[in-house]
Amino acid sequence: PWANIDVSALKDMLDSASDDDTMFVDVRERDEWDAARLPRFELKPLSAAGEWLETLPRDKKLVVMCKGGVRSEKACAALAQCGYDDLVNVEGGIMTYA
């Protein structure tokens, strides 16, 4: 139901993807976001998914990242259950980006 990419593919997407068709979602918590974040990502903590899960655009590819890849995969599963179908999980998360 979703694609898995590594951080080198993520770097390519960050360089080339248009904001018109791609949204980058960071599902970590606020304190993690404050400590380190990547450009273009929007903070949508998995712990508050009930508040944002149905509000993301359905006409864009959603690229989902967390710290190590576990929460982003859970978020992709939840989004898929809500009918989102253009999902990308960043395997290894921000920990493997640096």
N, C-alpha and C. Protein backbone atom coordinates (compact mmCIF):
# COMPACT_ATOMS: atom_id res chain seq x y z
N PRO A 1 0.80 -1.22 0.00
CA PRO A 1 0.00 0.00 0.00
C PRO A 1 0.84 1.28 0.00
N TRP A 2 2.12 1.18 0.29
CA TRP A 2 2.99 2.36 0.21
C TRP A 2 4.37 1.93 -0.26
N ALA A 3 5.13 2.89 -0.74
CA ALA A 3 6.49 2.64 -1.18
C ALA A 3 7.45 2.90 -0.02
N ASN A 4 8.55 2.18 0.00
CA ASN A 4 9.61 2.44 0.96
C ASN A 4 10.82 2.97 0.20
N ILE A 5 11.40 4.06 0.71
CA ILE A 5 12.60 4.61 0.08
C ILE A 5 13.68 4.78 1.13
N ASP A 6 14.92 4.83 0.67
CA ASP A 6 16.03 5.11 1.58
C ASP A 6 16.34 6.60 1.53
N VAL A 7 17.30 7.01 2.35
CA VAL A 7 17.55 8.45 2.46
C VAL A 7 18.17 9.05 1.20
N SER A 8 18.88 8.26 0.41
CA SER A 8 19.42 8.83 -0.83
C SER A 8 18.28 9.16 -1.79
N ALA A 9 17.26 8.29 -1.84
CA ALA A 9 16.09 8.60 -2.66
C ALA A 9 15.33 9.80 -2.08
N LEU A 10 15.31 9.92 -0.75
CA LEU A 10 14.67 11.08 -0.13
C LEU A 10 15.38 12.35 -0.53
N LYS A 11 16.71 12.34 -0.52
CA LYS A 11 17.47 13.54 -0.92
C LYS A 11 17.11 13.95 -2.34
N ASP A 12 17.00 12.96 -3.23
CA ASP A 12 16.61 13.25 -4.61
C ASP A 12 15.22 13.88 -4.66
N MET A 13 14.28 13.32 -3.87
CA MET A 13 12.91 13.85 -3.85
C MET A 13 12.89 15.28 -3.31
N LEU A 14 13.65 15.53 -2.24
CA LEU A 14 13.68 16.88 -1.67
C LEU A 14 14.22 17.89 -2.68
N ASP A 15 15.16 17.44 -3.51
CA ASP A 15 15.75 18.32 -4.52
C ASP A 15 14.83 18.55 -5.71
N SER A 16 14.03 17.55 -6.06
CA SER A 16 13.31 17.62 -7.33
C SER A 16 11.79 17.73 -7.23
N ALA A 17 11.20 17.28 -6.13
CA ALA A 17 9.73 17.24 -6.05
C ALA A 17 9.14 18.64 -5.91
N SER A 18 8.00 18.82 -6.53
CA SER A 18 7.28 20.09 -6.46
C SER A 18 6.35 20.09 -5.26
N ASP A 19 6.23 21.25 -4.61
CA ASP A 19 5.27 21.38 -3.51
C ASP A 19 3.84 21.22 -4.00
N ASP A 20 3.64 21.37 -5.31
CA ASP A 20 2.29 21.22 -5.87
C ASP A 20 1.81 19.78 -5.83
N ASP A 21 2.75 18.82 -5.85
CA ASP A 21 2.32 17.43 -5.90
C ASP A 21 2.91 16.54 -4.81
N THR A 22 3.71 17.11 -3.91
CA THR A 22 4.33 16.32 -2.85
C THR A 22 4.28 17.07 -1.52
N MET A 23 3.93 16.35 -0.45
CA MET A 23 3.97 16.91 0.90
C MET A 23 4.87 16.03 1.75
N PHE A 24 5.78 16.65 2.48
CA PHE A 24 6.72 15.94 3.34
C PHE A 24 6.23 16.05 4.79
N VAL A 25 6.02 14.90 5.43
CA VAL A 25 5.40 14.84 6.75
C VAL A 25 6.36 14.18 7.74
N ASP A 26 6.66 14.88 8.83
CA ASP A 26 7.50 14.36 9.91
C ASP A 26 6.58 13.99 11.07
N VAL A 27 6.54 12.71 11.45
CA VAL A 27 5.60 12.26 12.48
C VAL A 27 6.26 12.12 13.86
N ARG A 28 7.43 12.72 14.04
CA ARG A 28 8.07 12.70 15.35
C ARG A 28 7.37 13.69 16.29
N GLU A 29 7.82 13.72 17.54
CA GLU A 29 7.24 14.63 18.53
C GLU A 29 7.93 15.99 18.45
N ARG A 30 7.29 17.01 19.03
CA ARG A 30 7.77 18.39 18.97
C ARG A 30 9.22 18.52 19.47
N ASP A 31 9.57 17.85 20.56
CA ASP A 31 10.93 17.99 21.10
C ASP A 31 11.97 17.41 20.13
N GLU A 32 11.61 16.33 19.45
CA GLU A 32 12.52 15.76 18.45
C GLU A 32 12.67 16.71 17.26
N TRP A 33 11.55 17.29 16.85
CA TRP A 33 11.52 18.26 15.75
C TRP A 33 12.38 19.48 16.09
N ASP A 34 12.25 19.96 17.34
CA ASP A 34 13.02 21.13 17.76
C ASP A 34 14.52 20.84 17.75
N ALA A 35 14.90 19.59 18.03
CA ALA A 35 16.32 19.22 18.10
C ALA A 35 16.95 19.09 16.71
N ALA A 36 16.18 18.57 15.75
CA ALA A 36 16.70 18.38 14.38
C ALA A 36 15.54 18.21 13.43
N ARG A 37 15.61 18.90 12.31
CA ARG A 37 14.56 18.75 11.31
C ARG A 37 15.14 18.96 9.92
N LEU A 38 14.40 18.46 8.94
CA LEU A 38 14.80 18.63 7.54
C LEU A 38 13.91 19.70 6.90
N PRO A 39 14.47 20.45 5.95
CA PRO A 39 13.66 21.44 5.24
C PRO A 39 12.52 20.77 4.49
N ARG A 40 11.44 21.51 4.33
CA ARG A 40 10.25 21.12 3.57
C ARG A 40 9.32 20.18 4.33
N PHE A 41 9.77 19.58 5.44
CA PHE A 41 8.90 18.69 6.21
C PHE A 41 8.00 19.50 7.13
N GLU A 42 6.76 19.03 7.28
CA GLU A 42 5.81 19.62 8.21
C GLU A 42 5.64 18.67 9.39
N LEU A 43 5.60 19.21 10.59
CA LEU A 43 5.45 18.40 11.79
C LEU A 43 4.00 17.99 11.97
N LYS A 44 3.77 16.68 12.03
CA LYS A 44 2.45 16.09 12.30
C LYS A 44 2.69 14.89 13.22
N PRO A 45 2.81 15.14 14.55
CA PRO A 45 3.18 14.05 15.46
C PRO A 45 2.20 12.88 15.39
N LEU A 46 2.76 11.67 15.33
CA LEU A 46 1.92 10.48 15.29
C LEU A 46 1.01 10.40 16.51
N SER A 47 1.49 10.89 17.65
CA SER A 47 0.69 10.85 18.88
C SER A 47 -0.58 11.69 18.76
N ALA A 48 -0.60 12.63 17.81
CA ALA A 48 -1.78 13.48 17.60
C ALA A 48 -2.45 13.18 16.26
N ALA A 49 -2.25 11.98 15.74
CA ALA A 49 -2.75 11.63 14.40
C ALA A 49 -4.26 11.83 14.28
N GLY A 50 -4.99 11.64 15.37
CA GLY A 50 -6.43 11.83 15.32
C GLY A 50 -6.82 13.23 14.90
N GLU A 51 -5.93 14.20 15.15
CA GLU A 51 -6.21 15.60 14.83
C GLU A 51 -5.92 15.93 13.36
N TRP A 52 -5.00 15.19 12.73
CA TRP A 52 -4.59 15.58 11.38
C TRP A 52 -4.77 14.50 10.32
N LEU A 53 -5.07 13.28 10.73
CA LEU A 53 -5.06 12.15 9.81
C LEU A 53 -5.92 12.37 8.56
N GLU A 54 -7.10 12.93 8.73
CA GLU A 54 -8.01 13.10 7.59
C GLU A 54 -7.87 14.47 6.93
N THR A 55 -6.92 15.29 7.40
CA THR A 55 -6.81 16.66 6.90
C THR A 55 -5.73 16.85 5.85
N LEU A 56 -4.91 15.85 5.62
CA LEU A 56 -3.83 15.99 4.65
C LEU A 56 -4.41 15.94 3.23
N PRO A 57 -3.73 16.59 2.29
CA PRO A 57 -4.24 16.62 0.91
C PRO A 57 -4.23 15.21 0.29
N ARG A 58 -5.30 14.89 -0.40
CA ARG A 58 -5.40 13.57 -1.04
C ARG A 58 -4.88 13.58 -2.47
N ASP A 59 -4.56 14.77 -2.98
CA ASP A 59 -4.08 14.87 -4.35
C ASP A 59 -2.56 15.02 -4.44
N LYS A 60 -1.87 14.75 -3.32
CA LYS A 60 -0.42 14.85 -3.30
C LYS A 60 0.19 13.54 -2.84
N LYS A 61 1.43 13.31 -3.26
CA LYS A 61 2.23 12.22 -2.70
C LYS A 61 2.62 12.63 -1.29
N LEU A 62 2.42 11.76 -0.31
CA LEU A 62 2.79 12.04 1.08
C LEU A 62 4.05 11.25 1.41
N VAL A 63 5.12 11.97 1.71
CA VAL A 63 6.40 11.35 2.09
C VAL A 63 6.51 11.46 3.60
N VAL A 64 6.52 10.32 4.29
CA VAL A 64 6.41 10.28 5.74
C VAL A 64 7.72 9.82 6.37
N MET A 65 8.19 10.58 7.35
CA MET A 65 9.46 10.28 8.02
C MET A 65 9.32 10.41 9.53
N CYS A 66 10.13 9.63 10.25
CA CYS A 66 10.22 9.77 11.71
C CYS A 66 11.69 9.66 12.09
N LYS A 67 11.96 9.21 13.30
CA LYS A 67 13.35 9.10 13.75
C LYS A 67 14.05 7.89 13.14
N GLY A 68 13.38 6.73 13.18
CA GLY A 68 14.04 5.51 12.72
C GLY A 68 13.25 4.67 11.73
N GLY A 69 12.03 5.08 11.39
CA GLY A 69 11.25 4.37 10.40
C GLY A 69 10.05 3.60 10.94
N VAL A 70 9.95 3.44 12.26
CA VAL A 70 8.85 2.67 12.84
C VAL A 70 7.56 3.49 12.86
N ARG A 71 7.62 4.69 13.40
CA ARG A 71 6.41 5.52 13.47
C ARG A 71 5.93 5.94 12.09
N SER A 72 6.85 6.18 11.17
CA SER A 72 6.43 6.57 9.83
C SER A 72 5.70 5.41 9.15
N GLU A 73 6.12 4.19 9.40
CA GLU A 73 5.42 3.05 8.82
C GLU A 73 4.03 2.91 9.44
N LYS A 74 3.92 3.14 10.74
CA LYS A 74 2.59 3.13 11.39
C LYS A 74 1.70 4.23 10.81
N ALA A 75 2.29 5.41 10.58
CA ALA A 75 1.52 6.51 10.00
C ALA A 75 1.06 6.16 8.59
N CYS A 76 1.93 5.54 7.80
CA CYS A 76 1.54 5.13 6.44
C CYS A 76 0.39 4.12 6.50
N ALA A 77 0.44 3.19 7.45
CA ALA A 77 -0.64 2.21 7.58
C ALA A 77 -1.95 2.90 7.94
N ALA A 78 -1.89 3.87 8.86
CA ALA A 78 -3.10 4.60 9.26
C ALA A 78 -3.64 5.43 8.09
N LEU A 79 -2.75 6.07 7.34
CA LEU A 79 -3.17 6.87 6.19
C LEU A 79 -3.80 5.97 5.12
N ALA A 80 -3.21 4.81 4.90
CA ALA A 80 -3.75 3.88 3.91
C ALA A 80 -5.15 3.42 4.32
N GLN A 81 -5.35 3.19 5.61
CA GLN A 81 -6.68 2.80 6.10
C GLN A 81 -7.70 3.91 5.87
N CYS A 82 -7.24 5.14 5.84
CA CYS A 82 -8.14 6.28 5.60
C CYS A 82 -8.32 6.56 4.11
N GLY A 83 -7.74 5.74 3.27
CA GLY A 83 -7.95 5.89 1.84
C GLY A 83 -6.87 6.64 1.08
N TYR A 84 -5.81 7.07 1.75
CA TYR A 84 -4.71 7.71 1.04
C TYR A 84 -3.95 6.62 0.28
N ASP A 85 -3.58 6.91 -0.97
CA ASP A 85 -2.98 5.85 -1.76
C ASP A 85 -1.63 6.21 -2.39
N ASP A 86 -1.16 7.44 -2.22
CA ASP A 86 0.15 7.81 -2.76
C ASP A 86 1.07 8.12 -1.59
N LEU A 87 1.57 7.05 -0.96
CA LEU A 87 2.32 7.16 0.29
C LEU A 87 3.74 6.65 0.11
N VAL A 88 4.67 7.33 0.78
CA VAL A 88 6.07 6.93 0.75
C VAL A 88 6.61 6.96 2.18
N ASN A 89 7.18 5.84 2.62
CA ASN A 89 7.80 5.73 3.94
C ASN A 89 9.31 5.85 3.79
N VAL A 90 9.93 6.71 4.61
CA VAL A 90 11.39 6.86 4.60
C VAL A 90 11.98 5.85 5.59
N GLU A 91 12.58 4.78 5.05
CA GLU A 91 13.16 3.74 5.90
C GLU A 91 14.39 4.28 6.61
N GLY A 92 14.50 4.01 7.90
CA GLY A 92 15.64 4.47 8.68
C GLY A 92 15.49 5.86 9.24
N GLY A 93 14.52 6.62 8.72
CA GLY A 93 14.20 7.93 9.27
C GLY A 93 15.34 8.92 9.25
N ILE A 94 15.17 9.96 10.06
CA ILE A 94 16.14 11.07 10.09
C ILE A 94 17.49 10.60 10.64
N MET A 95 17.49 9.52 11.41
CA MET A 95 18.74 9.01 11.97
C MET A 95 19.73 8.59 10.87
N THR A 96 19.21 8.09 9.76
CA THR A 96 20.10 7.67 8.67
C THR A 96 20.35 8.79 7.68
N TYR A 97 19.66 9.92 7.81
CA TYR A 97 19.83 11.03 6.86
C TYR A 97 21.17 11.72 7.06
N ALA A 98 21.52 11.98 8.29
CA ALA A 98 22.77 12.69 8.58
C ALA A 98 23.95 11.84 8.16
